[in-house]
N, C-alpha and C. Protein backbone atom coordinates (compact mmCIF):
# COMPACT_ATOMS: atom_id res chain seq x y z
N MET A 1 -40.86 31.42 5.87
CA MET A 1 -39.64 31.48 5.10
C MET A 1 -38.61 30.55 5.75
N LYS A 2 -38.01 29.70 4.93
CA LYS A 2 -36.99 28.78 5.42
C LYS A 2 -35.64 29.47 5.54
N LYS A 3 -34.94 29.14 6.62
CA LYS A 3 -33.59 29.66 6.78
C LYS A 3 -32.62 28.71 6.10
N LYS A 4 -31.66 29.29 5.43
CA LYS A 4 -30.63 28.48 4.79
C LYS A 4 -29.65 28.01 5.84
N LYS A 5 -29.29 26.75 5.75
CA LYS A 5 -28.29 26.22 6.66
C LYS A 5 -26.92 26.72 6.19
N LYS A 6 -26.12 27.11 7.16
CA LYS A 6 -24.78 27.56 6.81
C LYS A 6 -23.90 26.36 6.48
N GLN A 7 -23.25 26.46 5.35
CA GLN A 7 -22.32 25.42 4.94
C GLN A 7 -21.03 25.59 5.72
N PRO A 8 -20.43 24.50 6.20
CA PRO A 8 -19.13 24.65 6.87
C PRO A 8 -18.08 25.09 5.87
N LYS A 9 -17.19 25.95 6.33
CA LYS A 9 -16.14 26.42 5.45
C LYS A 9 -15.19 25.27 5.14
N PRO A 10 -14.80 25.14 3.88
CA PRO A 10 -13.85 24.07 3.54
C PRO A 10 -12.49 24.37 4.16
N THR A 11 -11.84 23.31 4.59
CA THR A 11 -10.51 23.50 5.17
C THR A 11 -9.47 23.22 4.10
N SER A 12 -8.51 24.08 4.04
CA SER A 12 -7.44 23.92 3.06
C SER A 12 -6.36 23.03 3.62
N ILE A 13 -5.84 22.14 2.81
CA ILE A 13 -4.75 21.28 3.26
C ILE A 13 -3.43 22.03 3.20
N TYR A 14 -3.45 23.24 2.66
CA TYR A 14 -2.22 24.00 2.50
C TYR A 14 -1.83 24.81 3.73
N LYS A 15 -2.56 24.66 4.83
CA LYS A 15 -2.19 25.42 6.01
C LYS A 15 -0.83 25.00 6.55
N ASP A 16 -0.38 23.79 6.22
CA ASP A 16 0.92 23.29 6.68
C ASP A 16 2.04 23.56 5.68
N VAL A 17 1.70 24.07 4.49
CA VAL A 17 2.70 24.26 3.43
C VAL A 17 3.27 25.67 3.51
N LYS A 18 4.57 25.73 3.55
CA LYS A 18 5.25 27.03 3.55
C LYS A 18 5.63 27.39 2.12
N ILE A 19 5.36 28.63 1.73
CA ILE A 19 5.67 29.07 0.38
C ILE A 19 6.90 29.97 0.42
N ASP A 20 7.90 29.60 -0.33
CA ASP A 20 9.14 30.36 -0.40
C ASP A 20 9.11 31.22 -1.66
N ALA A 21 9.39 32.51 -1.50
CA ALA A 21 9.36 33.44 -2.64
C ALA A 21 10.33 33.03 -3.74
N LYS A 22 11.47 32.45 -3.38
CA LYS A 22 12.44 32.01 -4.38
C LYS A 22 11.89 30.87 -5.23
N LEU A 23 11.10 30.00 -4.61
CA LEU A 23 10.51 28.90 -5.35
C LEU A 23 9.49 29.39 -6.37
N ILE A 24 8.75 30.42 -6.01
CA ILE A 24 7.72 30.93 -6.91
C ILE A 24 8.34 31.51 -8.17
N LYS A 25 9.51 32.13 -8.02
CA LYS A 25 10.19 32.69 -9.19
C LYS A 25 10.50 31.63 -10.23
N ASN A 26 10.96 30.48 -9.76
CA ASN A 26 11.37 29.39 -10.65
C ASN A 26 10.29 28.31 -10.79
N GLU A 27 9.09 28.64 -10.40
CA GLU A 27 8.00 27.68 -10.40
C GLU A 27 7.60 27.26 -11.81
N GLU A 28 7.24 26.00 -11.93
CA GLU A 28 6.67 25.51 -13.19
C GLU A 28 5.15 25.56 -13.03
N TRP A 29 4.49 26.32 -13.89
CA TRP A 29 3.05 26.51 -13.82
C TRP A 29 2.37 25.61 -14.83
N LEU A 30 1.31 24.93 -14.39
CA LEU A 30 0.58 24.00 -15.24
C LEU A 30 -0.78 24.56 -15.62
N THR A 31 -1.18 24.27 -16.83
CA THR A 31 -2.53 24.63 -17.28
C THR A 31 -3.51 23.58 -16.75
N THR A 32 -4.78 23.82 -16.95
CA THR A 32 -5.80 22.88 -16.51
C THR A 32 -5.58 21.50 -17.14
N GLU A 33 -5.34 21.48 -18.43
CA GLU A 33 -5.13 20.19 -19.12
C GLU A 33 -3.91 19.45 -18.58
N GLU A 34 -2.85 20.19 -18.30
CA GLU A 34 -1.64 19.56 -17.76
C GLU A 34 -1.87 19.01 -16.36
N VAL A 35 -2.69 19.71 -15.55
CA VAL A 35 -3.01 19.23 -14.20
C VAL A 35 -3.84 17.96 -14.28
N LEU A 36 -4.78 17.93 -15.21
CA LEU A 36 -5.61 16.73 -15.37
C LEU A 36 -4.74 15.51 -15.67
N LYS A 37 -3.75 15.69 -16.52
CA LYS A 37 -2.84 14.58 -16.85
C LYS A 37 -1.90 14.27 -15.69
N HIS A 38 -1.37 15.32 -15.05
CA HIS A 38 -0.40 15.15 -13.96
C HIS A 38 -1.02 14.41 -12.77
N LEU A 39 -2.25 14.76 -12.41
CA LEU A 39 -2.91 14.14 -11.27
C LEU A 39 -3.81 12.97 -11.65
N ASN A 40 -3.99 12.77 -12.94
CA ASN A 40 -4.85 11.70 -13.46
C ASN A 40 -6.26 11.80 -12.86
N ILE A 41 -6.86 12.99 -12.98
CA ILE A 41 -8.20 13.22 -12.47
C ILE A 41 -9.07 13.80 -13.58
N SER A 42 -10.37 13.82 -13.33
CA SER A 42 -11.30 14.38 -14.31
C SER A 42 -11.42 15.89 -14.11
N ARG A 43 -12.00 16.53 -15.10
CA ARG A 43 -12.21 17.98 -15.03
C ARG A 43 -13.16 18.32 -13.87
N SER A 44 -14.19 17.50 -13.66
CA SER A 44 -15.13 17.78 -12.56
C SER A 44 -14.45 17.63 -11.19
N THR A 45 -13.53 16.69 -11.06
CA THR A 45 -12.79 16.53 -9.81
C THR A 45 -11.92 17.75 -9.56
N LEU A 46 -11.25 18.23 -10.60
CA LEU A 46 -10.42 19.42 -10.47
C LEU A 46 -11.28 20.62 -10.08
N PHE A 47 -12.44 20.76 -10.69
CA PHE A 47 -13.35 21.85 -10.35
C PHE A 47 -13.76 21.76 -8.88
N ARG A 48 -14.10 20.55 -8.42
CA ARG A 48 -14.50 20.37 -7.03
C ARG A 48 -13.36 20.71 -6.06
N LEU A 49 -12.14 20.30 -6.39
CA LEU A 49 -10.99 20.61 -5.55
C LEU A 49 -10.73 22.12 -5.48
N ARG A 50 -10.91 22.80 -6.61
CA ARG A 50 -10.76 24.26 -6.63
C ARG A 50 -11.86 24.92 -5.80
N LYS A 51 -13.09 24.46 -5.96
CA LYS A 51 -14.23 25.06 -5.28
C LYS A 51 -14.12 24.90 -3.76
N THR A 52 -13.59 23.79 -3.30
CA THR A 52 -13.46 23.53 -1.87
C THR A 52 -12.11 23.98 -1.32
N HIS A 53 -11.35 24.69 -2.14
CA HIS A 53 -10.05 25.26 -1.74
C HIS A 53 -9.05 24.19 -1.31
N GLN A 54 -9.12 23.03 -1.91
CA GLN A 54 -8.16 21.98 -1.61
C GLN A 54 -6.99 22.00 -2.59
N ILE A 55 -7.08 22.87 -3.56
CA ILE A 55 -6.02 22.98 -4.55
C ILE A 55 -5.84 24.47 -4.86
N ILE A 56 -4.61 24.88 -4.99
CA ILE A 56 -4.30 26.29 -5.23
C ILE A 56 -4.20 26.57 -6.72
N ASP A 57 -4.83 27.65 -7.14
CA ASP A 57 -4.68 28.09 -8.52
C ASP A 57 -4.60 29.61 -8.54
N VAL A 58 -3.99 30.11 -9.58
CA VAL A 58 -3.86 31.55 -9.79
C VAL A 58 -4.40 31.85 -11.17
N LYS A 59 -5.31 32.81 -11.24
CA LYS A 59 -5.85 33.17 -12.55
C LYS A 59 -4.90 34.14 -13.24
N ILE A 60 -4.47 33.76 -14.41
CA ILE A 60 -3.65 34.63 -15.26
C ILE A 60 -4.50 34.91 -16.49
N GLY A 61 -4.97 36.14 -16.57
CA GLY A 61 -5.96 36.46 -17.59
C GLY A 61 -7.26 35.80 -17.18
N CYS A 62 -7.79 34.94 -18.01
CA CYS A 62 -9.01 34.20 -17.63
C CYS A 62 -8.71 32.71 -17.45
N SER A 63 -7.43 32.34 -17.47
CA SER A 63 -7.06 30.94 -17.33
C SER A 63 -6.44 30.65 -15.97
N PRO A 64 -6.95 29.62 -15.28
CA PRO A 64 -6.31 29.25 -14.01
C PRO A 64 -4.99 28.52 -14.29
N MET A 65 -3.97 28.86 -13.50
CA MET A 65 -2.67 28.20 -13.60
C MET A 65 -2.36 27.61 -12.23
N PHE A 66 -1.67 26.49 -12.24
CA PHE A 66 -1.43 25.73 -11.01
C PHE A 66 0.06 25.54 -10.80
N PRO A 67 0.58 25.85 -9.60
CA PRO A 67 2.00 25.64 -9.32
C PRO A 67 2.28 24.15 -9.11
N LYS A 68 3.16 23.60 -9.93
CA LYS A 68 3.43 22.17 -9.91
C LYS A 68 4.00 21.70 -8.58
N SER A 69 4.91 22.45 -7.99
CA SER A 69 5.51 22.00 -6.74
C SER A 69 4.48 21.91 -5.62
N LEU A 70 3.50 22.84 -5.60
CA LEU A 70 2.47 22.76 -4.57
C LEU A 70 1.50 21.61 -4.82
N LEU A 71 1.25 21.29 -6.07
CA LEU A 71 0.43 20.12 -6.37
C LEU A 71 1.11 18.85 -5.86
N ASN A 72 2.43 18.78 -6.07
CA ASN A 72 3.17 17.61 -5.61
C ASN A 72 3.18 17.54 -4.08
N LYS A 73 3.29 18.70 -3.42
CA LYS A 73 3.23 18.72 -1.95
C LYS A 73 1.86 18.28 -1.47
N MET A 74 0.80 18.71 -2.18
CA MET A 74 -0.54 18.31 -1.82
C MET A 74 -0.69 16.80 -1.88
N LEU A 75 -0.18 16.19 -2.94
CA LEU A 75 -0.25 14.74 -3.07
C LEU A 75 0.50 14.05 -1.95
N LEU A 76 1.66 14.56 -1.63
CA LEU A 76 2.47 13.98 -0.57
C LEU A 76 1.76 14.08 0.78
N LEU A 77 1.21 15.26 1.10
CA LEU A 77 0.51 15.44 2.37
C LEU A 77 -0.71 14.53 2.47
N LYS A 78 -1.46 14.41 1.38
CA LYS A 78 -2.64 13.54 1.39
C LYS A 78 -2.24 12.08 1.58
N SER A 79 -1.17 11.66 0.92
CA SER A 79 -0.75 10.26 1.06
C SER A 79 -0.24 9.98 2.48
N ILE A 80 0.44 10.95 3.08
CA ILE A 80 0.91 10.77 4.47
C ILE A 80 -0.28 10.68 5.41
N ARG A 81 -1.26 11.56 5.23
CA ARG A 81 -2.44 11.52 6.09
C ARG A 81 -3.22 10.20 5.93
N ASN A 82 -3.33 9.72 4.71
CA ASN A 82 -4.00 8.44 4.48
C ASN A 82 -3.24 7.30 5.11
N PHE A 83 -1.92 7.35 5.04
CA PHE A 83 -1.08 6.32 5.62
C PHE A 83 -1.22 6.32 7.15
N ASN A 84 -1.28 7.50 7.75
CA ASN A 84 -1.40 7.61 9.21
C ASN A 84 -2.76 7.16 9.72
N LYS A 85 -3.79 7.21 8.87
CA LYS A 85 -5.11 6.77 9.28
C LYS A 85 -5.18 5.25 9.42
N GLU A 86 -4.34 4.56 8.71
CA GLU A 86 -4.38 3.09 8.72
C GLU A 86 -3.79 2.50 9.94
C-alpha cells in the first residue's frame, strides 16, 4: 500500500493584514462575477486562490462574497512583494 505524501499547507498572504471591525460594518462585498471583473482573472484562477487560501471569502447562503478592501490590500501586498524581489 502506497503512503500518500502530505501536501504542504498553503500560506495565507493575509497574516500581515489587520481587520478592523468598523471597516467590516461599512465593507463593500463583491460577488464572484464582480471579483472576476475587479481582478481581471478567470473563474478557475479565483477557484485556485480560494482553494489555497490566498483570497478571503465568506459564504452567505450558498454564495461566496468577497470583501473589496481586503482584495485591494491583497493586490497591494503582492505588488510590493514582487517589487522587492527585483
